[in-house]
N, C-alpha and C. Protein backbone atom coordinates (compact mmCIF):
# COMPACT_ATOMS: atom_id res chain seq x y z
N MET A 1 62.32 37.06 -77.54
CA MET A 1 62.11 35.63 -77.59
C MET A 1 62.22 35.01 -76.20
N ASP A 2 63.24 35.48 -75.39
CA ASP A 2 63.38 34.97 -74.03
C ASP A 2 62.15 35.27 -73.19
N SER A 3 61.60 36.46 -73.33
CA SER A 3 60.42 36.82 -72.54
C SER A 3 59.22 35.97 -72.94
N LEU A 4 59.14 35.60 -74.22
CA LEU A 4 58.06 34.73 -74.68
C LEU A 4 58.20 33.33 -74.07
N ARG A 5 59.45 32.82 -74.00
CA ARG A 5 59.69 31.52 -73.37
C ARG A 5 59.36 31.55 -71.89
N HIS A 6 59.75 32.62 -71.21
CA HIS A 6 59.44 32.76 -69.78
C HIS A 6 57.93 32.81 -69.55
N LEU A 7 57.24 33.54 -70.39
CA LEU A 7 55.79 33.64 -70.27
C LEU A 7 55.14 32.28 -70.51
N PHE A 8 55.63 31.55 -71.52
CA PHE A 8 55.09 30.21 -71.80
C PHE A 8 55.36 29.27 -70.62
N ALA A 9 56.57 29.31 -70.06
CA ALA A 9 56.93 28.46 -68.92
C ALA A 9 56.06 28.80 -67.71
N LEU A 10 55.82 30.08 -67.47
CA LEU A 10 54.97 30.50 -66.36
C LEU A 10 53.54 29.99 -66.56
N ALA A 11 53.02 30.15 -67.77
CA ALA A 11 51.65 29.69 -68.06
C ALA A 11 51.55 28.18 -67.89
N LEU A 12 52.54 27.43 -68.36
CA LEU A 12 52.55 25.98 -68.23
C LEU A 12 52.64 25.57 -66.76
N SER A 13 53.45 26.26 -65.98
CA SER A 13 53.57 25.97 -64.55
C SER A 13 52.26 26.21 -63.83
N LEU A 14 51.61 27.32 -64.13
CA LEU A 14 50.32 27.62 -63.51
C LEU A 14 49.26 26.59 -63.88
N PHE A 15 49.30 26.13 -65.15
CA PHE A 15 48.35 25.10 -65.58
C PHE A 15 48.53 23.82 -64.77
N PHE A 16 49.79 23.36 -64.63
CA PHE A 16 50.04 22.12 -63.88
C PHE A 16 49.73 22.29 -62.40
N LEU A 17 50.03 23.44 -61.85
CA LEU A 17 49.73 23.70 -60.45
C LEU A 17 48.22 23.65 -60.21
N ALA A 18 47.46 24.25 -61.09
CA ALA A 18 46.00 24.23 -60.94
C ALA A 18 45.45 22.83 -61.13
N ALA A 19 46.01 22.07 -62.05
CA ALA A 19 45.52 20.72 -62.32
C ALA A 19 45.82 19.76 -61.17
N CYS A 20 46.91 20.00 -60.45
CA CYS A 20 47.32 19.09 -59.38
C CYS A 20 46.74 19.44 -58.02
N SER A 21 46.23 20.64 -57.88
CA SER A 21 45.71 21.02 -56.56
C SER A 21 44.31 20.46 -56.38
N GLN A 22 44.02 20.10 -55.15
CA GLN A 22 42.71 19.53 -54.83
C GLN A 22 41.81 20.65 -54.34
N PRO A 23 40.61 20.77 -54.87
CA PRO A 23 39.73 21.86 -54.43
C PRO A 23 39.29 21.66 -52.99
N ALA A 24 39.14 22.78 -52.30
CA ALA A 24 38.65 22.73 -50.92
C ALA A 24 37.15 22.43 -50.95
N PRO A 25 36.66 21.72 -49.95
CA PRO A 25 35.22 21.46 -49.93
C PRO A 25 34.45 22.76 -49.75
N ALA A 26 33.30 22.82 -50.36
CA ALA A 26 32.49 24.03 -50.25
C ALA A 26 32.01 24.20 -48.81
N ALA A 27 32.10 25.43 -48.33
CA ALA A 27 31.60 25.73 -46.99
C ALA A 27 30.08 25.75 -47.02
N ILE A 28 29.49 25.35 -45.93
CA ILE A 28 28.03 25.37 -45.82
C ILE A 28 27.64 26.64 -45.10
N ALA A 29 26.83 27.46 -45.74
CA ALA A 29 26.36 28.69 -45.10
C ALA A 29 25.52 28.32 -43.88
N PRO A 30 25.64 29.08 -42.78
CA PRO A 30 24.88 28.75 -41.57
C PRO A 30 23.39 28.59 -41.78
N ASP A 31 22.81 29.33 -42.74
CA ASP A 31 21.37 29.20 -42.95
C ASP A 31 21.02 28.10 -43.95
N ALA A 32 22.04 27.36 -44.45
CA ALA A 32 21.80 26.28 -45.41
C ALA A 32 22.21 24.92 -44.86
N VAL A 33 22.29 24.81 -43.55
CA VAL A 33 22.68 23.55 -42.92
C VAL A 33 21.61 22.50 -43.19
N PRO A 34 22.04 21.31 -43.62
CA PRO A 34 21.04 20.24 -43.77
C PRO A 34 20.36 20.00 -42.42
N ARG A 35 19.07 19.85 -42.43
CA ARG A 35 18.34 19.62 -41.18
C ARG A 35 18.60 18.23 -40.66
N ALA A 36 18.91 18.15 -39.40
CA ALA A 36 19.12 16.86 -38.77
C ALA A 36 17.79 16.13 -38.64
N ALA A 37 17.85 14.82 -38.63
CA ALA A 37 16.63 14.02 -38.45
C ALA A 37 16.06 14.32 -37.07
N ASP A 38 14.77 14.35 -36.97
CA ASP A 38 14.10 14.54 -35.68
C ASP A 38 14.56 15.81 -34.96
N TYR A 39 14.58 16.92 -35.68
CA TYR A 39 14.98 18.19 -35.08
C TYR A 39 14.09 18.50 -33.89
N PRO A 40 14.66 18.87 -32.74
CA PRO A 40 13.83 19.08 -31.55
C PRO A 40 13.04 20.39 -31.62
N ALA A 41 11.96 20.42 -30.89
CA ALA A 41 11.20 21.66 -30.75
C ALA A 41 11.90 22.55 -29.72
N MET A 42 11.91 23.84 -29.98
CA MET A 42 12.55 24.77 -29.05
C MET A 42 11.71 24.87 -27.78
N PRO A 43 12.34 24.67 -26.62
CA PRO A 43 11.59 24.79 -25.36
C PRO A 43 11.11 26.23 -25.14
N GLN A 44 10.14 26.37 -24.27
CA GLN A 44 9.61 27.68 -23.91
C GLN A 44 10.45 28.28 -22.77
N ASN A 45 10.30 29.57 -22.55
CA ASN A 45 10.90 30.29 -21.41
C ASN A 45 12.43 30.20 -21.36
N LEU A 46 13.08 30.33 -22.51
CA LEU A 46 14.54 30.34 -22.53
C LEU A 46 15.05 31.76 -22.30
N GLN A 47 16.30 31.87 -21.88
CA GLN A 47 16.87 33.19 -21.61
C GLN A 47 17.36 33.82 -22.91
N ARG A 48 16.77 34.96 -23.27
CA ARG A 48 17.11 35.68 -24.50
C ARG A 48 18.30 36.60 -24.20
N VAL A 49 19.36 36.49 -25.02
CA VAL A 49 20.58 37.28 -24.83
C VAL A 49 21.11 37.74 -26.19
N ARG A 50 21.96 38.72 -26.15
CA ARG A 50 22.62 39.24 -27.37
C ARG A 50 24.06 38.74 -27.38
N VAL A 51 24.50 38.21 -28.52
CA VAL A 51 25.89 37.75 -28.67
C VAL A 51 26.77 38.97 -28.87
N GLU A 52 27.69 39.18 -27.94
CA GLU A 52 28.63 40.30 -28.04
C GLU A 52 29.79 39.96 -28.97
N THR A 53 30.32 38.77 -28.79
CA THR A 53 31.45 38.34 -29.61
C THR A 53 31.52 36.82 -29.64
N VAL A 54 32.17 36.33 -30.66
CA VAL A 54 32.41 34.90 -30.78
C VAL A 54 33.87 34.67 -30.43
N VAL A 55 34.11 33.85 -29.40
CA VAL A 55 35.47 33.57 -28.94
C VAL A 55 36.12 32.54 -29.86
N ASP A 56 35.41 31.46 -30.14
CA ASP A 56 35.85 30.43 -31.08
C ASP A 56 34.62 29.65 -31.52
N GLY A 57 34.80 28.50 -32.11
CA GLY A 57 33.68 27.77 -32.67
C GLY A 57 32.62 27.34 -31.69
N ASP A 58 33.00 27.10 -30.42
CA ASP A 58 32.02 26.60 -29.45
C ASP A 58 31.88 27.49 -28.21
N THR A 59 32.42 28.70 -28.26
CA THR A 59 32.34 29.62 -27.12
C THR A 59 31.99 31.02 -27.61
N ILE A 60 31.01 31.63 -26.94
CA ILE A 60 30.59 32.99 -27.28
C ILE A 60 30.56 33.83 -26.00
N ARG A 61 30.51 35.13 -26.15
CA ARG A 61 30.27 36.03 -25.02
C ARG A 61 28.93 36.70 -25.28
N VAL A 62 28.09 36.72 -24.25
CA VAL A 62 26.76 37.29 -24.38
C VAL A 62 26.54 38.36 -23.31
N ARG A 63 25.57 39.22 -23.57
CA ARG A 63 25.18 40.26 -22.62
C ARG A 63 23.97 39.76 -21.85
N ILE A 64 24.14 39.61 -20.52
CA ILE A 64 23.04 39.24 -19.63
C ILE A 64 22.90 40.38 -18.64
N GLY A 65 21.85 41.16 -18.81
CA GLY A 65 21.70 42.36 -17.97
C GLY A 65 22.85 43.30 -18.24
N ASN A 66 23.58 43.66 -17.18
CA ASN A 66 24.72 44.56 -17.36
C ASN A 66 26.05 43.80 -17.34
N ARG A 67 25.99 42.46 -17.42
CA ARG A 67 27.22 41.64 -17.39
C ARG A 67 27.50 41.00 -18.75
N SER A 68 28.79 40.89 -19.03
CA SER A 68 29.24 40.13 -20.19
C SER A 68 29.64 38.75 -19.68
N GLU A 69 29.04 37.70 -20.24
CA GLU A 69 29.27 36.33 -19.75
C GLU A 69 29.76 35.43 -20.88
N PRO A 70 30.80 34.62 -20.61
CA PRO A 70 31.19 33.62 -21.60
C PRO A 70 30.24 32.43 -21.53
N VAL A 71 29.92 31.86 -22.69
CA VAL A 71 29.04 30.70 -22.78
C VAL A 71 29.74 29.62 -23.59
N ARG A 72 29.92 28.47 -22.98
CA ARG A 72 30.48 27.30 -23.66
C ARG A 72 29.30 26.45 -24.10
N MET A 73 29.23 26.16 -25.40
CA MET A 73 28.10 25.40 -25.93
C MET A 73 28.18 23.94 -25.49
N LEU A 74 27.07 23.44 -24.99
CA LEU A 74 26.98 22.05 -24.55
C LEU A 74 26.91 21.09 -25.74
N GLY A 75 27.49 19.91 -25.54
CA GLY A 75 27.34 18.82 -26.50
C GLY A 75 28.24 18.87 -27.71
N VAL A 76 29.04 19.93 -27.84
CA VAL A 76 29.92 20.07 -29.01
C VAL A 76 31.32 20.48 -28.59
N ASN A 77 32.27 20.13 -29.42
CA ASN A 77 33.65 20.57 -29.24
C ASN A 77 34.22 20.84 -30.62
N THR A 78 34.49 22.11 -30.90
CA THR A 78 35.09 22.46 -32.18
C THR A 78 36.61 22.42 -32.04
N PRO A 79 37.32 22.19 -33.14
CA PRO A 79 38.78 22.21 -33.07
C PRO A 79 39.27 23.59 -32.62
N GLU A 80 40.43 23.59 -31.97
CA GLU A 80 41.00 24.84 -31.45
C GLU A 80 41.54 25.71 -32.59
N THR A 81 41.51 27.02 -32.38
CA THR A 81 41.95 27.97 -33.41
C THR A 81 43.44 28.30 -33.33
N GLY A 82 44.05 28.01 -32.19
CA GLY A 82 45.44 28.39 -31.99
C GLY A 82 45.58 29.75 -31.33
N ALA A 83 44.47 30.38 -30.98
CA ALA A 83 44.51 31.67 -30.29
C ALA A 83 44.86 31.44 -28.82
N GLY A 84 45.48 32.41 -28.22
CA GLY A 84 45.83 32.30 -26.80
C GLY A 84 46.84 31.18 -26.58
N SER A 85 46.56 30.34 -25.62
CA SER A 85 47.50 29.27 -25.27
C SER A 85 47.15 27.94 -25.93
N THR A 86 46.19 27.93 -26.86
CA THR A 86 45.80 26.68 -27.50
C THR A 86 46.65 26.39 -28.73
N THR A 87 46.74 25.13 -29.07
CA THR A 87 47.42 24.71 -30.29
C THR A 87 46.39 24.68 -31.41
N ARG A 88 46.76 25.19 -32.57
CA ARG A 88 45.83 25.21 -33.71
C ARG A 88 45.57 23.78 -34.16
N GLU A 89 44.27 23.44 -34.27
CA GLU A 89 43.87 22.12 -34.74
C GLU A 89 43.22 22.26 -36.11
N CYS A 90 43.25 21.17 -36.86
CA CYS A 90 42.67 21.16 -38.19
C CYS A 90 41.21 21.59 -38.13
N PHE A 91 40.85 22.57 -38.93
CA PHE A 91 39.50 23.10 -39.10
C PHE A 91 39.05 24.01 -37.96
N GLY A 92 39.96 24.36 -37.03
CA GLY A 92 39.61 25.27 -35.95
C GLY A 92 39.23 26.66 -36.44
N PRO A 93 40.08 27.30 -37.26
CA PRO A 93 39.71 28.64 -37.75
C PRO A 93 38.42 28.63 -38.57
N GLU A 94 38.19 27.57 -39.34
CA GLU A 94 36.97 27.49 -40.14
C GLU A 94 35.74 27.38 -39.25
N ALA A 95 35.83 26.56 -38.20
CA ALA A 95 34.69 26.43 -37.26
C ALA A 95 34.41 27.76 -36.57
N SER A 96 35.47 28.44 -36.17
CA SER A 96 35.31 29.74 -35.51
C SER A 96 34.67 30.76 -36.46
N ASP A 97 35.15 30.80 -37.70
CA ASP A 97 34.60 31.74 -38.68
C ASP A 97 33.13 31.43 -38.96
N TRP A 98 32.78 30.15 -39.02
CA TRP A 98 31.39 29.76 -39.30
C TRP A 98 30.48 30.21 -38.16
N THR A 99 30.95 30.03 -36.93
CA THR A 99 30.16 30.47 -35.78
C THR A 99 30.03 32.00 -35.78
N LYS A 100 31.10 32.71 -36.12
CA LYS A 100 31.03 34.18 -36.21
C LYS A 100 30.00 34.60 -37.24
N GLN A 101 30.03 33.96 -38.40
CA GLN A 101 29.08 34.30 -39.47
C GLN A 101 27.64 34.10 -39.00
N ALA A 102 27.41 33.05 -38.22
CA ALA A 102 26.04 32.73 -37.79
C ALA A 102 25.58 33.53 -36.59
N LEU A 103 26.48 33.82 -35.63
CA LEU A 103 26.02 34.33 -34.33
C LEU A 103 26.44 35.75 -33.97
N ALA A 104 27.50 36.28 -34.55
CA ALA A 104 27.99 37.60 -34.14
C ALA A 104 26.89 38.65 -34.23
N GLY A 105 26.62 39.31 -33.10
CA GLY A 105 25.63 40.38 -33.04
C GLY A 105 24.18 39.91 -33.00
N GLN A 106 23.95 38.61 -33.01
CA GLN A 106 22.60 38.07 -33.05
C GLN A 106 21.99 37.94 -31.65
N THR A 107 20.68 37.89 -31.61
CA THR A 107 19.97 37.55 -30.38
C THR A 107 19.77 36.04 -30.42
N VAL A 108 20.14 35.38 -29.32
CA VAL A 108 19.99 33.92 -29.21
C VAL A 108 19.29 33.61 -27.90
N LEU A 109 18.88 32.37 -27.76
CA LEU A 109 18.22 31.92 -26.53
C LEU A 109 19.05 30.81 -25.91
N LEU A 110 19.28 30.90 -24.61
CA LEU A 110 20.10 29.92 -23.91
C LEU A 110 19.22 28.92 -23.18
N GLU A 111 19.56 27.64 -23.35
CA GLU A 111 18.90 26.57 -22.61
C GLU A 111 19.96 25.89 -21.74
N PHE A 112 19.73 25.90 -20.46
CA PHE A 112 20.65 25.26 -19.52
C PHE A 112 20.20 23.84 -19.26
N ASP A 113 21.14 22.94 -19.03
CA ASP A 113 20.85 21.54 -18.75
C ASP A 113 21.47 21.25 -17.39
N GLU A 114 20.63 21.19 -16.37
CA GLU A 114 21.14 21.03 -15.01
C GLU A 114 21.96 19.75 -14.82
N SER A 115 21.77 18.74 -15.69
CA SER A 115 22.58 17.52 -15.58
C SER A 115 24.04 17.80 -15.92
N GLN A 116 24.30 18.93 -16.59
CA GLN A 116 25.67 19.29 -16.97
C GLN A 116 26.28 20.34 -16.04
N GLY A 117 25.48 20.86 -15.13
CA GLY A 117 25.95 21.94 -14.27
C GLY A 117 25.75 23.27 -14.97
N ARG A 118 25.79 24.33 -14.21
CA ARG A 118 25.55 25.67 -14.77
C ARG A 118 26.83 26.28 -15.35
N ARG A 119 27.98 25.94 -14.77
CA ARG A 119 29.27 26.51 -15.21
C ARG A 119 30.34 25.42 -15.28
N ASP A 120 31.34 25.66 -16.12
CA ASP A 120 32.46 24.73 -16.20
C ASP A 120 33.61 25.21 -15.32
N ARG A 121 34.73 24.52 -15.36
CA ARG A 121 35.86 24.86 -14.48
C ARG A 121 36.51 26.20 -14.83
N PHE A 122 36.18 26.75 -16.01
CA PHE A 122 36.68 28.07 -16.40
C PHE A 122 35.66 29.17 -16.11
N ASP A 123 34.60 28.83 -15.38
CA ASP A 123 33.52 29.73 -14.98
C ASP A 123 32.69 30.23 -16.17
N ARG A 124 32.65 29.45 -17.25
CA ARG A 124 31.80 29.78 -18.39
C ARG A 124 30.43 29.15 -18.16
N LEU A 125 29.39 29.85 -18.56
CA LEU A 125 28.05 29.26 -18.54
C LEU A 125 28.04 28.10 -19.54
N LEU A 126 27.32 27.05 -19.22
CA LEU A 126 27.17 25.89 -20.11
C LEU A 126 25.73 25.89 -20.62
N ALA A 127 25.56 25.95 -21.94
CA ALA A 127 24.21 26.07 -22.48
C ALA A 127 24.10 25.55 -23.90
N PHE A 128 22.88 25.18 -24.23
CA PHE A 128 22.52 24.95 -25.63
C PHE A 128 22.10 26.31 -26.16
N VAL A 129 22.49 26.62 -27.40
CA VAL A 129 22.23 27.93 -27.99
C VAL A 129 21.20 27.76 -29.11
N TRP A 130 20.06 28.40 -28.91
CA TRP A 130 18.96 28.36 -29.88
C TRP A 130 18.93 29.66 -30.67
N LEU A 131 18.68 29.55 -31.96
CA LEU A 131 18.48 30.73 -32.80
C LEU A 131 17.00 31.11 -32.76
N GLU A 132 16.73 32.36 -33.04
CA GLU A 132 15.34 32.83 -32.96
C GLU A 132 14.42 32.11 -33.94
N ASP A 133 14.98 31.54 -35.01
CA ASP A 133 14.14 30.82 -35.97
C ASP A 133 13.82 29.38 -35.53
N GLY A 134 14.27 29.02 -34.30
CA GLY A 134 13.95 27.70 -33.76
C GLY A 134 14.99 26.63 -34.00
N ARG A 135 16.13 26.99 -34.59
CA ARG A 135 17.20 26.01 -34.80
C ARG A 135 18.10 25.94 -33.58
N LEU A 136 18.54 24.74 -33.25
CA LEU A 136 19.50 24.52 -32.17
C LEU A 136 20.89 24.62 -32.79
N PHE A 137 21.61 25.70 -32.47
CA PHE A 137 22.89 25.96 -33.13
C PHE A 137 23.92 24.86 -32.83
N ASN A 138 23.91 24.31 -31.63
CA ASN A 138 24.84 23.23 -31.29
C ASN A 138 24.68 22.07 -32.28
N LEU A 139 23.44 21.77 -32.61
CA LEU A 139 23.14 20.71 -33.57
C LEU A 139 23.61 21.09 -34.97
N ASP A 140 23.43 22.36 -35.34
CA ASP A 140 23.90 22.83 -36.65
C ASP A 140 25.41 22.67 -36.80
N LEU A 141 26.16 22.96 -35.74
CA LEU A 141 27.62 22.80 -35.78
C LEU A 141 28.00 21.37 -36.15
N LEU A 142 27.33 20.42 -35.53
CA LEU A 142 27.62 19.01 -35.79
C LEU A 142 27.14 18.58 -37.18
N THR A 143 25.95 18.98 -37.55
CA THR A 143 25.37 18.59 -38.83
C THR A 143 26.21 19.10 -40.00
N ALA A 144 26.76 20.30 -39.87
CA ALA A 144 27.59 20.89 -40.93
C ALA A 144 29.03 20.38 -40.91
N GLY A 145 29.40 19.64 -39.87
CA GLY A 145 30.75 19.09 -39.81
C GLY A 145 31.80 20.03 -39.25
N TYR A 146 31.37 20.96 -38.39
CA TYR A 146 32.32 21.90 -37.78
C TYR A 146 32.68 21.52 -36.35
N ALA A 147 32.14 20.42 -35.83
CA ALA A 147 32.39 20.06 -34.43
C ALA A 147 32.33 18.55 -34.24
N PHE A 148 32.91 18.13 -33.12
CA PHE A 148 32.78 16.77 -32.63
C PHE A 148 31.74 16.80 -31.52
N GLU A 149 31.00 15.70 -31.35
CA GLU A 149 30.07 15.60 -30.23
C GLU A 149 30.90 15.44 -28.97
N PHE A 150 30.49 16.12 -27.90
CA PHE A 150 31.26 16.11 -26.65
C PHE A 150 30.35 16.38 -25.46
N GLU A 151 30.42 15.51 -24.49
CA GLU A 151 29.66 15.69 -23.24
C GLU A 151 30.67 15.76 -22.09
N PRO A 152 30.80 16.90 -21.43
CA PRO A 152 31.79 17.02 -20.36
C PRO A 152 31.45 16.20 -19.11
N ARG A 153 30.21 15.97 -18.87
CA ARG A 153 29.81 15.22 -17.67
C ARG A 153 29.00 14.01 -18.09
N ARG A 154 27.82 13.86 -17.58
CA ARG A 154 26.98 12.72 -17.99
C ARG A 154 26.12 13.11 -19.19
N ASP A 155 25.34 12.18 -19.63
CA ASP A 155 24.51 12.40 -20.82
C ASP A 155 23.66 13.66 -20.71
N SER A 156 23.71 14.45 -21.77
CA SER A 156 22.89 15.66 -21.80
C SER A 156 21.52 15.35 -22.40
N LYS A 157 20.67 16.32 -22.34
CA LYS A 157 19.29 16.21 -22.83
C LYS A 157 19.24 15.78 -24.31
N TYR A 158 20.16 16.27 -25.11
CA TYR A 158 20.13 16.02 -26.55
C TYR A 158 21.23 15.08 -27.04
N GLN A 159 21.86 14.32 -26.15
CA GLN A 159 23.03 13.54 -26.56
C GLN A 159 22.76 12.59 -27.73
N ARG A 160 21.67 11.86 -27.71
CA ARG A 160 21.40 10.92 -28.81
C ARG A 160 21.27 11.65 -30.14
N LEU A 161 20.59 12.79 -30.10
CA LEU A 161 20.41 13.59 -31.31
C LEU A 161 21.75 14.14 -31.81
N LEU A 162 22.59 14.60 -30.88
CA LEU A 162 23.90 15.14 -31.25
C LEU A 162 24.80 14.03 -31.79
N ASP A 163 24.77 12.86 -31.18
CA ASP A 163 25.54 11.71 -31.68
C ASP A 163 25.15 11.39 -33.12
N ARG A 164 23.84 11.37 -33.38
CA ARG A 164 23.34 11.04 -34.71
C ARG A 164 23.78 12.11 -35.72
N ALA A 165 23.74 13.38 -35.33
CA ALA A 165 24.15 14.46 -36.24
C ALA A 165 25.63 14.34 -36.60
N GLU A 166 26.47 14.01 -35.61
CA GLU A 166 27.90 13.81 -35.89
C GLU A 166 28.08 12.64 -36.86
N ARG A 167 27.38 11.56 -36.62
CA ARG A 167 27.49 10.37 -37.48
C ARG A 167 27.06 10.71 -38.92
N GLU A 168 25.97 11.48 -39.07
CA GLU A 168 25.50 11.87 -40.41
C GLU A 168 26.54 12.74 -41.13
N ALA A 169 27.15 13.69 -40.41
CA ALA A 169 28.17 14.55 -41.01
C ALA A 169 29.40 13.72 -41.41
N ARG A 170 29.79 12.80 -40.55
CA ARG A 170 30.94 11.93 -40.83
C ARG A 170 30.66 11.08 -42.07
N ASP A 171 29.48 10.45 -42.11
CA ASP A 171 29.13 9.59 -43.25
C ASP A 171 29.04 10.37 -44.56
N ALA A 172 28.61 11.64 -44.49
CA ALA A 172 28.50 12.48 -45.69
C ALA A 172 29.82 13.17 -46.03
N GLY A 173 30.83 13.07 -45.15
CA GLY A 173 32.12 13.71 -45.41
C GLY A 173 32.05 15.23 -45.37
N ARG A 174 31.20 15.78 -44.49
CA ARG A 174 31.06 17.23 -44.39
C ARG A 174 32.13 17.83 -43.47
N GLY A 175 32.58 19.03 -43.82
CA GLY A 175 33.46 19.81 -42.96
C GLY A 175 34.72 19.08 -42.56
N LEU A 176 34.95 18.96 -41.25
CA LEU A 176 36.18 18.35 -40.75
C LEU A 176 36.24 16.85 -41.02
N TRP A 177 35.13 16.26 -41.48
CA TRP A 177 35.09 14.83 -41.82
C TRP A 177 35.50 14.58 -43.26
N SER A 178 35.67 15.63 -44.05
CA SER A 178 36.04 15.49 -45.46
C SER A 178 37.50 15.03 -45.58
N ALA A 179 37.76 14.14 -46.55
CA ALA A 179 39.14 13.71 -46.82
C ALA A 179 39.99 14.88 -47.31
N ALA A 180 39.35 15.92 -47.86
CA ALA A 180 40.07 17.10 -48.35
C ALA A 180 40.45 18.06 -47.23
N THR A 181 39.92 17.84 -46.02
CA THR A 181 40.27 18.71 -44.89
C THR A 181 41.01 17.90 -43.84
N CYS A 182 40.32 17.42 -42.84
CA CYS A 182 40.95 16.75 -41.70
C CYS A 182 40.70 15.24 -41.67
N ASP A 183 39.73 14.78 -42.44
CA ASP A 183 39.34 13.37 -42.45
C ASP A 183 39.01 12.89 -41.04
N GLY A 184 38.43 13.80 -40.23
CA GLY A 184 38.02 13.45 -38.88
C GLY A 184 39.11 13.51 -37.83
N ARG A 185 40.32 13.89 -38.23
CA ARG A 185 41.43 14.01 -37.27
C ARG A 185 41.51 15.42 -36.75
N ARG A 186 42.04 15.57 -35.54
CA ARG A 186 42.20 16.90 -34.95
C ARG A 186 43.49 17.53 -35.41
């Protein structure tokens, strides 16, 4: 009889726990990102590289010739993962995982924007990352709600488009803009 009461209490506890928990927002698969308005055409003559590894949501390592180079994506800033000397920010691991799912081992095309400089203070290449299917991955990060729009220097080539993508994700409550995740806070 005692074991039956314990089993009933456990079942009742699990029922209330499930009823009170808030479901996590559904993740958006990298190939199912809503298309941003006025998606840009991919420029010609971009540098084709292979992604060796994904460092975090907005930084990758690529193979250029016989060198491994870090690339910091222009126009976006994903929350920190807490790896190394960084403090973990809300949605950082999710942004990093999403970028890994989309880019790890893939061939991508780099577009440099001379208005932003070629490298940052950490000696990372600064680039827009294009997928072979013609999508601008930096824009996808914002549209899916995995990043904040960020320009380290002056206005970049795609700043207006990136601003609009962030605003659309925020208004739709996607990713880090969802009340169930970060509600737009870091």
